[in-house]
C-alpha atoms as a PDB file:
ATOM      1  CA  MET A   1     107.557  71.521  21.329  1.00  0.00           C
ATOM      2  CA  TRP A   2     107.886  75.120  22.736  1.00  0.00           C
ATOM      3  CA  SER A   3     107.104  74.494  25.750  1.00  0.00           C
ATOM      4  CA  GLY A   4     109.659  72.957  26.224  1.00  0.00           C
ATOM      5  CA  ARG A   5     108.768  69.545  27.725  1.00  0.00           C
ATOM      6  CA  LEU A   6     110.216  67.402  24.395  1.00  0.00           C
ATOM      7  CA  THR A   7     113.701  68.457  24.198  1.00  0.00           C
ATOM      8  CA  GLU A   8     114.986  69.745  20.714  1.00  0.00           C
ATOM      9  CA  GLU A   9     116.500  65.869  20.449  1.00  0.00           C
ATOM     10  CA  ALA A  10     113.238  63.761  21.318  1.00  0.00           C
ATOM     11  CA  PHE A  11     112.257  66.428  18.519  1.00  0.00           C
ATOM     12  CA  TRP A  12     115.176  65.300  16.184  1.00  0.00           C
ATOM     13  CA  THR A  13     114.117  61.973  17.541  1.00  0.00           C
ATOM     14  CA  TRP A  14     110.678  62.349  16.093  1.00  0.00           C
ATOM     15  CA  LEU A  15     111.235  63.175  13.497  1.00  0.00           C
ATOM     16  CA  GLY A  16     113.885  61.015  12.280  1.00  0.00           C
ATOM     17  CA  ALA A  17     111.078  57.746  12.597  1.00  0.00           C
ATOM     18  CA  GLN A  18     108.856  60.360  10.597  1.00  0.00           C
ATOM     19  CA  ALA A  19     111.079  60.791   7.917  1.00  0.00           C
ATOM     20  CA  PRO A  20     113.271  57.585   7.177  1.00  0.00           C
ATOM     21  CA  SER A  21     114.640  59.160   4.622  1.00  0.00           C
ATOM     22  CA  VAL A  22     115.461  62.682   5.402  1.00  0.00           C
ATOM     23  CA  SER A  23     118.757  63.036   7.550  1.00  0.00           C
ATOM     24  CA  THR A  24     119.217  64.698  11.282  1.00  0.00           C
ATOM     25  CA  ASP A  25     121.580  67.091   9.218  1.00  0.00           C
ATOM     26  CA  ASP A  26     119.720  67.791   6.037  1.00  0.00           C
ATOM     27  CA  ALA A  27     117.049  68.776   8.267  1.00  0.00           C
ATOM     28  CA  ARG A  28     118.324  71.229  11.417  1.00  0.00           C
ATOM     29  CA  GLU A  29     120.119  72.757   8.055  1.00  0.00           C
ATOM     30  CA  LEU A  30     116.294  72.852   6.294  1.00  0.00           C
ATOM     31  CA  LEU A  31     115.206  74.559   9.546  1.00  0.00           C
ATOM     32  CA  ALA A  32     118.166  76.751  10.282  1.00  0.00           C
ATOM     33  CA  SER A  33     117.919  78.401   6.070  1.00  0.00           C
ATOM     34  CA  SER A  34     114.320  78.324   6.555  1.00  0.00           C
ATOM     35  CA  LEU A  35     114.213  80.352  10.049  1.00  0.00           C
ATOM     36  CA  ARG A  36     113.862  84.543   8.888  1.00  0.00           C
ATOM     37  CA  PRO A  37     114.045  87.318  10.695  1.00  0.00           C
ATOM     38  CA  MET A  38     110.102  89.289  10.362  1.00  0.00           C
ATOM     39  CA  PRO A  39     110.609  92.376   8.622  1.00  0.00           C
ATOM     40  CA  ALA A  40     110.410  94.572  11.384  1.00  0.00           C
ATOM     41  CA  MET A  41     113.520  93.661  12.767  1.00  0.00           C
ATOM     42  CA  GLN A  42     115.523  96.369  11.136  1.00  0.00           C
ATOM     43  CA  ARG A  43     113.587  98.352  12.817  1.00  0.00           C
ATOM     44  CA  ILE A  44     114.465  96.920  16.478  1.00  0.00           C
ATOM     45  CA  PRO A  45     117.445  99.315  16.266  1.00  0.00           C
ATOM     46  CA  GLU A  46     115.095 102.791  16.045  1.00  0.00           C
ATOM     47  CA  TRP A  47     112.611 101.892  17.862  1.00  0.00           C
ATOM     48  CA  SER A  48     115.027 101.258  21.386  1.00  0.00           C
ATOM     49  CA  ARG A  49     115.687 104.532  21.071  1.00  0.00           C
ATOM     50  CA  LEU A  50     112.068 105.598  22.479  1.00  0.00           C
ATOM     51  CA  ALA A  51     110.832 101.609  24.370  1.00  0.00           C
ATOM     52  CA  ASP A  52     113.436  98.967  26.238  1.00  0.00           C
ATOM     53  CA  ILE A  53     112.201  95.882  23.460  1.00  0.00           C
ATOM     54  CA  HIS A  54     110.914  92.877  26.163  1.00  0.00           C
ATOM     55  CA  LEU A  55     110.845  89.949  22.584  1.00  0.00           C
ATOM     56  CA  LEU A  56     108.254  87.915  23.475  1.00  0.00           C
ATOM     57  CA  SER A  57     107.664  84.467  21.573  1.00  0.00           C
ATOM     58  CA  ASN A  58     106.372  80.400  21.893  1.00  0.00           C
ATOM     59  CA  HIS A  59     110.156  79.281  20.392  1.00  0.00           C
ATOM     60  CA  ARG A  60     113.447  77.093  20.538  1.00  0.00           C
ATOM     61  CA  PRO A  61     115.857  79.048  21.960  1.00  0.00           C
ATOM     62  CA  GLU A  62     118.989  77.043  20.494  1.00  0.00           C
ATOM     63  CA  TRP A  63     116.180  77.621  16.495  1.00  0.00           C
ATOM     64  CA  ILE A  64     116.106  81.370  17.421  1.00  0.00           C
ATOM     65  CA  THR A  65     118.715  82.929  18.894  1.00  0.00           C
ATOM     66  CA  PRO A  66     120.622  82.981  16.038  1.00  0.00           C
ATOM     67  CA  VAL A  67     118.280  84.871  14.146  1.00  0.00           C
ATOM     68  CA  LEU A  68     118.136  87.267  16.775  1.00  0.00           C
ATOM     69  CA  ARG A  69     121.858  87.842  17.117  1.00  0.00           C
ATOM     70  CA  PRO A  70     122.038  91.500  15.278  1.00  0.00           C
ATOM     71  CA  VAL A  71     119.568  92.635  17.654  1.00  0.00           C
ATOM     72  CA  THR A  72     120.622  91.346  21.077  1.00  0.00           C
ATOM     73  CA  ALA A  73     121.904  94.589  21.815  1.00  0.00           C
ATOM     74  CA  PHE A  74     118.671  95.928  21.445  1.00  0.00           C
ATOM     75  CA  LEU A  75     116.305  94.275  23.377  1.00  0.00           C
ATOM     76  CA  LYS A  76     115.782  94.251  27.621  1.00  0.00           C
ATOM     77  CA  SER A  77     114.786  91.052  27.948  1.00  0.00           C
ATOM     78  CA  VAL A  78     113.541  87.535  26.006  1.00  0.00           C
ATOM     79  CA  THR A  79     111.929  85.247  26.255  1.00  0.00           C
ATOM     80  CA  LEU A  80     110.988  82.651  25.564  1.00  0.00           C
ATOM     81  CA  SER A  81     108.626  80.504  26.208  1.00  0.00           C
ATOM     82  CA  ALA A  82     110.659  76.818  25.515  1.00  0.00           C
ATOM     83  CA  SER A  83     113.067  78.067  28.201  1.00  0.00           C
ATOM     84  CA  ILE A  84     110.478  79.118  31.058  1.00  0.00           C
ATOM     85  CA  GLY A  85     108.047  75.381  29.911  1.00  0.00           C
ATOM     86  CA  ARG A  86     104.873  78.425  29.297  1.00  0.00           C
ATOM     87  CA  CYS A  87     103.601  79.557  25.898  1.00  0.00           C
ATOM     88  CA  LYS A  88     101.209  82.536  24.848  1.00  0.00           C
ATOM     89  CA  PRO A  89      98.389  81.978  24.798  1.00  0.00           C
ATOM     90  CA  GLY A  90      98.533  81.000  28.292  1.00  0.00           C
ATOM     91  CA  VAL A  91      98.551  83.854  30.886  1.00  0.00           C
ATOM     92  CA  GLU A  92     101.618  81.937  32.540  1.00  0.00           C
ATOM     93  CA  ILE A  93     104.318  83.608  29.743  1.00  0.00           C
ATOM     94  CA  TYR A  94     102.669  86.580  30.329  1.00  0.00           C
ATOM     95  CA  ARG A  95     102.793  87.565  33.639  1.00  0.00           C
ATOM     96  CA  TYR A  96     106.381  86.313  33.818  1.00  0.00           C
ATOM     97  CA  ALA A  97     107.671  88.211  30.565  1.00  0.00           C
ATOM     98  CA  ALA A  98     105.684  91.207  32.509  1.00  0.00           C
ATOM     99  CA  SER A  99     108.715  90.178  35.287  1.00  0.00           C
ATOM    100  CA  GLN A 100     111.038  91.164  33.587  1.00  0.00           C
ATOM    101  CA  PRO A 101     112.847  94.823  34.497  1.00  0.00           C
ATOM    102  CA  GLN A 102     110.782  96.826  32.059  1.00  0.00           C
ATOM    103  CA  GLY A 103     110.933 100.908  31.513  1.00  0.00           C
ATOM    104  CA  GLU A 104     108.352 104.049  32.509  1.00  0.00           C
ATOM    105  CA  LYS A 105     107.204 103.196  29.389  1.00  0.00           C
ATOM    106  CA  ASN A 106     103.950 102.382  28.280  1.00  0.00           C
ATOM    107  CA  LEU A 107     103.808  98.365  27.595  1.00  0.00           C
ATOM    108  CA  LEU A 108     102.648  97.018  23.384  1.00  0.00           C
ATOM    109  CA  PHE A 109     102.240  93.760  22.397  1.00  0.00           C
ATOM    110  CA  VAL A 110     102.744  93.326  19.066  1.00  0.00           C
ATOM    111  CA  ASP A 111     102.018  89.639  17.988  1.00  0.00           C
ATOM    112  CA  ASP A 112     101.005  87.517  14.533  1.00  0.00           C
ATOM    113  CA  GLN A 113      97.603  86.010  16.625  1.00  0.00           C
ATOM    114  CA  GLU A 114      94.784  87.399  17.799  1.00  0.00           C
ATOM    115  CA  LYS A 115      94.778  84.727  20.408  1.00  0.00           C
ATOM    116  CA  ASN A 116      97.654  85.592  21.725  1.00  0.00           C
ATOM    117  CA  LEU A 117      96.663  89.639  21.993  1.00  0.00           C
ATOM    118  CA  ARG A 118      93.095  88.457  24.127  1.00  0.00           C
ATOM    119  CA  GLN A 119      95.662  87.415  26.829  1.00  0.00           C
ATOM    120  CA  ALA A 120      98.067  90.853  26.574  1.00  0.00           C
ATOM    121  CA  ALA A 121      94.817  92.650  27.109  1.00  0.00           C
ATOM    122  CA  HIS A 122      93.339  90.883  29.615  1.00  0.00           C
ATOM    123  CA  LEU A 123      95.970  92.432  31.342  1.00  0.00           C
ATOM    124  CA  GLY A 124      95.440  95.427  30.351  1.00  0.00           C
ATOM    125  CA  TRP A 125      98.374  95.817  28.416  1.00  0.00           C
ATOM    126  CA  ASN A 126      98.200  97.688  24.535  1.00  0.00           C
ATOM    127  CA  THR A 127      98.093  95.092  22.000  1.00  0.00           C
ATOM    128  CA  LEU A 128      98.360  95.598  17.639  1.00  0.00           C
ATOM    129  CA  LEU A 129      98.100  92.460  15.711  1.00  0.00           C
ATOM    130  CA  ALA A 130     100.972  92.452  13.202  1.00  0.00           C
ATOM    131  CA  ASP A 131      99.358  91.223   9.648  1.00  0.00           C
ATOM    132  CA  SER A 132     100.566  89.882   7.251  1.00  0.00           C
ATOM    133  CA  GLU A 133     100.686  92.977   5.046  1.00  0.00           C
ATOM    134  CA  GLY A 134     103.794  94.749   6.879  1.00  0.00           C
ATOM    135  CA  LEU A 135     101.913  97.241   7.520  1.00  0.00           C
ATOM    136  CA  TRP A 136     101.791  97.875  11.599  1.00  0.00           C
ATOM    137  CA  ILE A 137     105.035  98.696  11.993  1.00  0.00           C
ATOM    138  CA  ASP A 138     104.550 101.782  10.442  1.00  0.00           C
ATOM    139  CA  GLN A 139     102.203 101.584  12.769  1.00  0.00           C
ATOM    140  CA  VAL A 140     104.417 100.807  16.163  1.00  0.00           C
ATOM    141  CA  VAL A 141     106.465 104.639  16.208  1.00  0.00           C
ATOM    142  CA  PRO A 142     103.558 107.082  16.208  1.00  0.00           C
ATOM    143  CA  TYR A 143     102.329 104.983  19.103  1.00  0.00           C
ATOM    144  CA  LEU A 144     105.335 105.112  21.592  1.00  0.00           C
ATOM    145  CA  LEU A 145     105.821 109.252  20.496  1.00  0.00           C
ATOM    146  CA  GLY A 146     102.220 109.518  21.791  1.00  0.00           C
ATOM    147  CA  SER A 147     100.230 110.280  18.887  1.00  0.00           C
END
């Protein structure tokens, strides 16, 4: 699914076979209503004044693009696994993201899974674990300011 090898339509067909009592329209509505912006999303405009923000996510563009719409103007690039056929923690998606235009600032890769941080660190990126309590959010500005 995240690699893009399974189309969105094929996913809905598969889901319909798994849960025949749920209509595709209801399932789509449930999915759309369950996608919520991460707490850090409101900080992206602030962070974008200090650094170029590049989003790297295992996701489907059809599903995540509407959620990202409020911050799209603050993102330098968006790399979505289903769009390029590669997903984290595979090295290919990191190399693709690194090939996007970058600024002169330090690179900080934030993820909520250790396995994804390991690959980024292997490539020489600075990493920060996005803990479930959201404490990591307050660590970003000091990092970007070099303190």
